[in-house]
Protein backbone atom coordinates (compact mmCIF):
# COMPACT_ATOMS: atom_id res chain seq x y z
CA MET A 1 -1.50 62.85 -18.25
CA THR A 2 1.14 61.92 -20.17
CA PRO A 3 0.19 63.35 -23.76
CA ARG A 4 -0.17 60.58 -26.57
CA THR A 5 2.88 61.21 -29.52
CA ASP A 6 2.52 58.25 -31.28
CA PHE A 7 -0.12 59.28 -33.72
CA PRO A 8 0.04 58.10 -37.24
CA PRO A 9 0.44 60.52 -40.33
CA ILE A 10 -2.59 62.66 -41.13
CA ARG A 11 -4.37 61.34 -44.32
CA ALA A 12 -7.77 63.46 -44.35
CA CYS A 13 -8.43 67.19 -42.90
CA LEU A 14 -12.09 67.92 -42.04
CA PHE A 15 -12.68 71.90 -42.82
CA ASP A 16 -15.12 73.54 -40.78
CA MET A 17 -16.06 77.09 -42.96
CA ASP A 18 -17.27 79.81 -40.93
CA GLY A 19 -14.69 81.49 -38.88
CA LEU A 20 -12.44 79.35 -39.81
CA LEU A 21 -12.28 79.16 -44.00
CA LEU A 22 -13.75 82.46 -44.07
CA ASP A 23 -13.88 85.74 -41.99
CA THR A 24 -17.75 85.56 -41.25
CA GLU A 25 -17.99 85.66 -37.30
CA ASP A 26 -17.84 89.94 -37.17
CA ILE A 27 -20.83 89.59 -39.98
CA TYR A 28 -22.77 87.68 -37.99
CA THR A 29 -22.38 89.63 -35.08
CA LEU A 30 -23.00 93.04 -37.81
CA CYS A 31 -26.54 91.45 -38.64
CA ILE A 32 -27.85 90.33 -34.71
CA ASN A 33 -26.79 93.64 -33.47
CA LEU A 34 -28.77 95.19 -36.37
CA ILE A 35 -32.04 93.54 -35.47
CA LEU A 36 -30.93 93.89 -31.42
CA GLU A 37 -30.62 97.51 -32.28
CA LYS A 38 -34.32 97.86 -34.29
CA TYR A 39 -35.92 96.33 -31.06
CA GLN A 40 -33.93 98.64 -28.24
CA ARG A 41 -32.29 95.29 -26.70
CA GLY A 42 -28.36 95.39 -26.46
CA LYS A 43 -25.13 94.31 -28.05
CA ILE A 44 -24.82 90.47 -28.11
CA PRO A 45 -21.70 89.43 -26.01
CA TRP A 46 -19.20 86.86 -27.10
CA SER A 47 -20.48 84.87 -23.90
CA ILE A 48 -23.53 83.85 -25.96
CA LYS A 49 -21.64 83.93 -28.97
CA ALA A 50 -19.84 81.06 -27.75
CA LYS A 51 -22.72 78.92 -27.49
CA LEU A 52 -24.30 79.47 -30.92
CA GLN A 53 -21.08 79.05 -32.44
CA GLY A 54 -20.83 75.62 -35.01
CA ARG A 55 -24.28 74.58 -34.60
CA PRO A 56 -26.89 74.17 -37.25
CA GLY A 57 -29.11 77.96 -38.00
CA PRO A 58 -31.71 76.31 -36.48
CA ALA A 59 -30.81 75.35 -33.02
CA ALA A 60 -27.93 78.74 -33.16
CA ASN A 61 -31.42 80.37 -34.08
CA LYS A 62 -33.54 78.83 -31.02
CA MET A 63 -31.05 79.32 -28.21
CA PHE A 64 -30.05 83.11 -29.48
CA GLN A 65 -34.49 83.96 -29.21
CA GLU A 66 -34.53 82.04 -25.78
CA TRP A 67 -31.08 84.84 -24.41
CA ALA A 68 -32.31 87.78 -26.48
CA LYS A 69 -36.23 87.43 -25.72
CA LEU A 70 -37.45 89.75 -29.19
CA PRO A 71 -41.04 90.61 -29.45
CA ILE A 72 -41.27 89.04 -32.79
CA ASP A 73 -41.30 84.93 -33.35
CA HIS A 74 -38.52 82.58 -34.67
CA ASP A 75 -39.79 83.33 -38.54
CA GLU A 76 -39.49 87.10 -38.64
CA TYR A 77 -36.48 86.93 -37.09
CA SER A 78 -35.04 84.39 -39.05
CA LYS A 79 -36.30 86.61 -41.70
CA GLN A 80 -35.02 89.75 -40.81
CA LEU A 81 -31.62 88.04 -40.37
CA TYR A 82 -31.04 86.40 -43.51
CA THR A 83 -32.06 89.64 -45.51
CA LEU A 84 -29.15 91.39 -43.56
CA GLN A 85 -27.08 88.08 -44.38
CA GLY A 86 -28.09 88.46 -48.08
CA GLN A 87 -26.59 92.01 -48.37
CA HIS A 88 -23.45 91.21 -46.03
CA PHE A 89 -22.46 87.55 -46.97
CA PRO A 90 -21.71 88.16 -50.46
CA GLY A 91 -18.76 90.30 -49.67
CA THR A 92 -16.57 87.98 -47.38
CA GLN A 93 -13.23 86.53 -47.88
CA PRO A 94 -11.09 84.12 -46.31
CA LEU A 95 -9.25 84.54 -43.39
CA PRO A 96 -5.28 84.78 -43.38
CA GLY A 97 -3.55 81.48 -44.14
CA ILE A 98 -6.36 79.60 -45.48
CA GLU A 99 -5.64 80.32 -49.45
CA ARG A 100 -2.18 78.79 -48.80
CA LEU A 101 -3.35 75.66 -46.58
CA LEU A 102 -6.01 74.88 -48.84
CA GLY A 103 -3.61 75.25 -52.01
CA ASP A 104 -0.71 72.98 -50.26
CA LEU A 105 -3.25 70.11 -49.23
CA GLY A 106 -4.78 70.53 -53.07
CA ARG A 107 -1.13 70.11 -54.21
CA THR A 108 -0.41 66.60 -52.57
CA ARG A 109 -2.69 64.51 -55.07
CA TYR A 110 1.12 64.61 -57.38
CA TRP A 111 2.02 61.88 -54.56
CA GLU A 112 -0.81 59.82 -55.72
CA VAL A 113 -0.40 60.31 -59.03
CA LYS A 114 4.17 59.83 -58.69
CA LYS A 115 3.73 56.96 -56.22
CA ASP A 116 6.78 55.60 -57.93
CA GLY A 117 8.90 57.31 -56.29
CA ALA A 118 9.35 60.79 -54.86
CA ALA A 119 11.41 61.41 -51.58
CA SER A 120 12.37 57.20 -50.98
CA SER A 121 14.79 58.18 -48.46
CA LEU A 122 12.14 58.80 -45.97
CA ASN A 123 10.82 56.85 -43.22
CA GLU A 124 6.76 57.24 -44.47
CA PRO A 125 6.88 57.78 -48.16
CA PRO A 126 4.68 60.93 -49.02
CA HIS A 127 0.80 60.70 -49.79
CA ARG A 128 -1.88 62.50 -50.73
CA VAL A 129 -3.71 64.29 -48.13
CA HIS A 130 -8.02 63.64 -48.62
CA ILE A 131 -9.91 67.02 -48.28
CA ALA A 132 -13.58 67.22 -47.18
CA LEU A 133 -15.60 70.59 -45.51
CA ALA A 134 -18.02 69.90 -42.96
CA THR A 135 -20.21 72.91 -42.59
CA SER A 136 -23.05 73.53 -40.20
CA SER A 137 -24.64 76.53 -42.77
CA HIS A 138 -27.05 75.04 -45.03
CA GLU A 139 -27.03 74.52 -48.61
CA THR A 140 -28.75 78.32 -49.07
CA ASN A 141 -26.44 80.04 -46.67
CA PHE A 142 -23.37 78.16 -48.07
CA HIS A 143 -23.79 79.04 -51.66
CA LEU A 144 -24.76 83.14 -50.68
CA LYS A 145 -21.39 82.82 -48.69
CA THR A 146 -19.19 80.85 -51.33
CA ALA A 147 -20.59 81.69 -54.95
CA HIS A 148 -18.01 84.98 -55.19
CA LEU A 149 -15.01 82.14 -54.12
CA THR A 150 -15.48 79.45 -56.11
CA GLU A 151 -12.03 78.78 -57.00
CA LEU A 152 -11.25 78.36 -53.46
CA PHE A 153 -13.85 75.94 -52.68
CA SER A 154 -13.18 74.41 -55.73
CA VAL A 155 -10.65 72.47 -53.64
CA PHE A 156 -13.69 70.75 -52.50
CA GLU A 157 -15.04 68.01 -54.72
CA GLY A 158 -18.60 67.95 -54.73
CA HIS A 159 -19.36 64.69 -53.49
CA ARG A 160 -16.90 65.75 -49.68
CA ARG A 161 -19.01 68.69 -49.03
CA VAL A 162 -21.15 68.20 -46.16
CA LEU A 163 -23.49 70.98 -44.95
CA GLY A 164 -26.00 71.42 -42.39
CA ASP A 165 -29.37 70.58 -44.37
CA ASP A 166 -27.53 67.25 -45.17
CA LYS A 167 -30.21 64.90 -45.23
CA ARG A 168 -27.68 61.93 -43.96
CA ILE A 169 -27.43 63.81 -40.59
CA PRO A 170 -30.42 63.03 -38.14
CA PRO A 171 -32.18 65.80 -36.73
CA GLY A 172 -30.91 66.78 -33.68
CA ARG A 173 -27.20 65.40 -34.77
CA GLY A 174 -25.49 68.67 -35.35
CA LYS A 175 -22.37 69.70 -33.72
CA PRO A 176 -21.26 69.42 -30.78
CA LEU A 177 -22.22 65.52 -31.62
CA PRO A 178 -20.19 63.85 -34.11
CA ASP A 179 -22.43 62.82 -37.12
CA ILE A 180 -21.26 65.28 -39.74
CA TYR A 181 -17.47 65.02 -39.00
CA LEU A 182 -18.02 60.84 -39.34
CA LEU A 183 -20.31 61.60 -42.36
CA ALA A 184 -17.47 64.06 -43.87
CA LEU A 185 -14.75 60.83 -43.42
CA LYS A 186 -17.14 58.47 -45.03
CA THR A 187 -17.40 60.57 -48.13
CA ILE A 188 -13.86 60.49 -48.50
CA ASN A 189 -13.56 56.59 -47.97
CA GLU A 190 -16.09 55.96 -50.60
CA SER A 191 -14.39 57.54 -53.07
CA LEU A 192 -10.54 56.73 -52.74
CA GLN A 193 -9.15 54.58 -55.62
CA ALA A 194 -9.14 50.89 -55.37
CA GLY A 195 -6.51 49.55 -53.12
CA GLU A 196 -5.99 52.71 -51.18
CA LYS A 197 -6.87 51.99 -47.62
CA PRO A 198 -9.72 53.46 -45.93
CA ILE A 199 -8.87 56.24 -43.66
CA THR A 200 -9.66 55.89 -39.46
CA PRO A 201 -10.62 58.89 -37.25
CA GLU A 202 -7.17 58.62 -35.89
CA GLU A 203 -5.89 59.97 -39.27
CA CYS A 204 -8.32 62.82 -39.61
CA LEU A 205 -7.53 66.23 -38.42
CA VAL A 206 -10.34 68.74 -37.91
CA PHE A 207 -9.97 72.12 -38.20
CA GLU A 208 -12.55 74.35 -36.22
CA ASP A 209 -12.92 77.64 -34.37
CA SER A 210 -15.59 76.83 -32.16
CA VAL A 211 -15.98 75.24 -29.25
CA PRO A 212 -18.56 73.06 -30.49
CA GLY A 213 -17.12 71.96 -33.45
CA VAL A 214 -14.03 71.27 -31.11
CA GLU A 215 -16.06 68.92 -29.47
CA SER A 216 -17.88 67.03 -32.23
CA GLY A 217 -14.58 66.59 -34.01
CA ARG A 218 -13.00 65.07 -30.30
CA ARG A 219 -16.57 62.93 -30.61
CA ALA A 220 -15.73 61.86 -33.67
CA GLY A 221 -12.62 59.96 -32.50
CA MET A 222 -9.97 62.73 -34.51
CA ARG A 223 -7.66 65.05 -34.30
CA VAL A 224 -8.60 68.71 -33.96
CA ILE A 225 -6.77 71.99 -34.44
CA TRP A 226 -9.16 74.71 -32.37
CA CYS A 227 -8.13 78.50 -34.36
CA PRO A 228 -10.75 80.65 -32.59
CA HIS A 229 -11.32 84.77 -33.12
CA PRO A 230 -9.51 86.06 -30.80
CA MET A 231 -12.43 87.15 -28.75
CA LEU A 232 -13.82 83.42 -28.76
CA LYS A 233 -10.03 82.79 -27.10
CA LYS A 234 -10.38 85.76 -24.49
CA GLU A 235 -13.85 84.21 -23.26
CA TYR A 236 -12.17 80.79 -22.73
CA SER A 237 -9.60 81.94 -21.23
CA GLY A 238 -7.95 79.72 -19.04
CA ARG A 239 -10.33 76.97 -19.72
CA GLU A 240 -8.48 76.48 -22.90
CA ALA A 241 -7.28 72.65 -22.00
CA GLU A 242 -11.31 72.06 -21.50
CA VAL A 243 -11.81 73.07 -24.82
CA LEU A 244 -9.37 70.95 -26.14
CA ALA A 245 -10.32 67.58 -24.42
CA ALA A 246 -13.99 68.60 -25.27
CA ARG A 247 -14.87 69.14 -22.19
CA THR A 248 -17.14 72.40 -21.76
CA GLY A 249 -20.07 70.54 -21.50
CA GLU A 250 -21.59 71.72 -24.63
CA ALA A 251 -23.62 68.83 -25.86
CA GLY A 252 -24.41 67.93 -22.15
CA ASP A 253 -24.58 64.54 -20.77
CA VAL A 254 -25.14 63.19 -24.35
CA ASP A 255 -22.19 60.14 -25.08
CA LEU A 256 -19.71 61.10 -22.51
CA HIS A 257 -17.70 57.92 -23.27
CA GLN A 258 -16.56 60.16 -26.41
CA LEU A 259 -14.72 62.72 -24.60
CA GLY A 260 -11.22 63.41 -24.47
CA GLU A 261 -9.03 64.19 -21.57
CA ILE A 262 -6.95 67.42 -20.23
CA ASP A 263 -3.52 67.16 -22.11
CA ASP A 264 -3.96 64.19 -23.84
CA GLY A 265 -2.36 65.25 -27.23
CA TRP A 266 -5.25 65.24 -29.28
CA ALA A 267 -6.23 68.91 -30.33
CA GLU A 268 -3.66 71.68 -30.57
CA TYR A 269 -4.80 75.52 -30.14
CA LEU A 270 -3.25 77.72 -32.88
CA PRO A 271 -3.50 81.72 -33.15
CA THR A 272 -3.53 81.67 -37.19
CA LEU A 273 -3.26 78.91 -39.74
CA VAL A 274 -0.35 81.33 -41.20
CA ASP A 275 2.40 78.67 -42.39
CA PHE A 276 0.72 75.29 -40.91
CA PRO A 277 3.54 73.00 -39.49
CA TYR A 278 2.21 70.18 -41.89
CA GLU A 279 5.68 68.23 -40.67
CA LYS A 280 4.32 67.63 -37.23
CA TYR A 281 1.06 66.07 -38.66
CA GLY A 282 3.15 64.18 -41.17
CA MET A 283 2.12 65.65 -44.27
CA THR A 284 4.26 66.38 -47.13
CA ILE A 285 3.72 69.02 -49.31
CA PRO A 286 5.03 69.50 -52.88
CA PRO A 287 6.16 72.06 -54.28
CA PRO A 288 4.12 74.45 -56.84
CA GLU A 289 6.20 73.50 -59.62
CA VAL A 290 5.00 70.42 -59.61
CA GLU A 291 1.56 71.36 -61.05
CA GLN A 292 3.42 71.62 -64.39
CA ASP A 293 4.48 68.23 -64.29
CA PRO A 294 2.92 66.61 -67.63
CA VAL A 295 2.49 63.74 -65.59
CA MET A 296 -0.31 65.79 -63.52
CA GLN A 297 -1.31 67.27 -66.47
CA ALA A 298 -1.87 63.63 -67.99
CA SER A 299 -3.60 62.52 -65.20
CA GLY A 300 -6.78 65.33 -64.80
CA ALA A 301 -5.36 65.73 -61.54
CA ILE A 302 -5.84 69.58 -62.23
CA ALA A 303 -9.41 69.52 -64.01
CA ASP A 304 -12.70 69.18 -63.58
CA GLY A 305 -13.40 71.86 -61.31
CA GLU A 306 -10.17 71.07 -59.09
CA GLU A 307 -7.85 72.67 -59.12
CA MET A 308 -4.71 73.12 -56.95
CA LYS A 309 -3.56 76.61 -57.43
CA ALA A 310 -0.10 77.66 -55.75
CA VAL A 311 -1.41 80.85 -53.55
């Protein structure tokens, strides 16, 4: 089909966390393989990891147990896994390009503060790009992975962080279903400034590394960037168009009307988020110097844990 090209500018970016913001996938693999080795099982293949990625912890653990058939029950497996994760997650680091990307997007608050004027010669005046977090990690695991990265995550305002155990997500409605991304958008729209038009799904750009996550974003009616682990990309070699259209069948026969079409232009694969092409998505990034602007300082745009440090 002919790809769509008449999209409106992106007004909100919604982020997955594991394997997208943070380099956690190899840590997950390490912890799982340590348990498998303990019970004389082989290492987990990427064909199985691909199905676990992006899903809520309980759902992922259930799928894993059905494959591994370990001689321990679910609770004991979870206990051992969380113990290992507690040892390894505190050292996790952001993936390449993430610090710059989040810093750049955070700095777009400048356009909200300086509405009178800047870049009036542009067809579309520059605008703030709102951001939210939509991770399947439950609260305990979230804090385990991020406690040492408070500055990085400070750009996500507290009420715009949607975690996997958020009570507003109905049971069984985690990724690859759309609920978590629709809720993330809701948290943004409920906290817009007076007079700011609500953001629509097609004005949102979802950043995902997992196949279920891509499907979740597409089902929410949003545009998607797929930036997977190299081994996951290899696992889906030749099927990239299916992934981008959310047509790999990860959710089964559920809400099929929400799926995309092959090559419909709504999703894009990027091997890295270094030097992200903002202009392609209608986003204008202010220069780092605006952080020193007296109006910005006076407005409180750089305060209360919402730093927009240039990196």
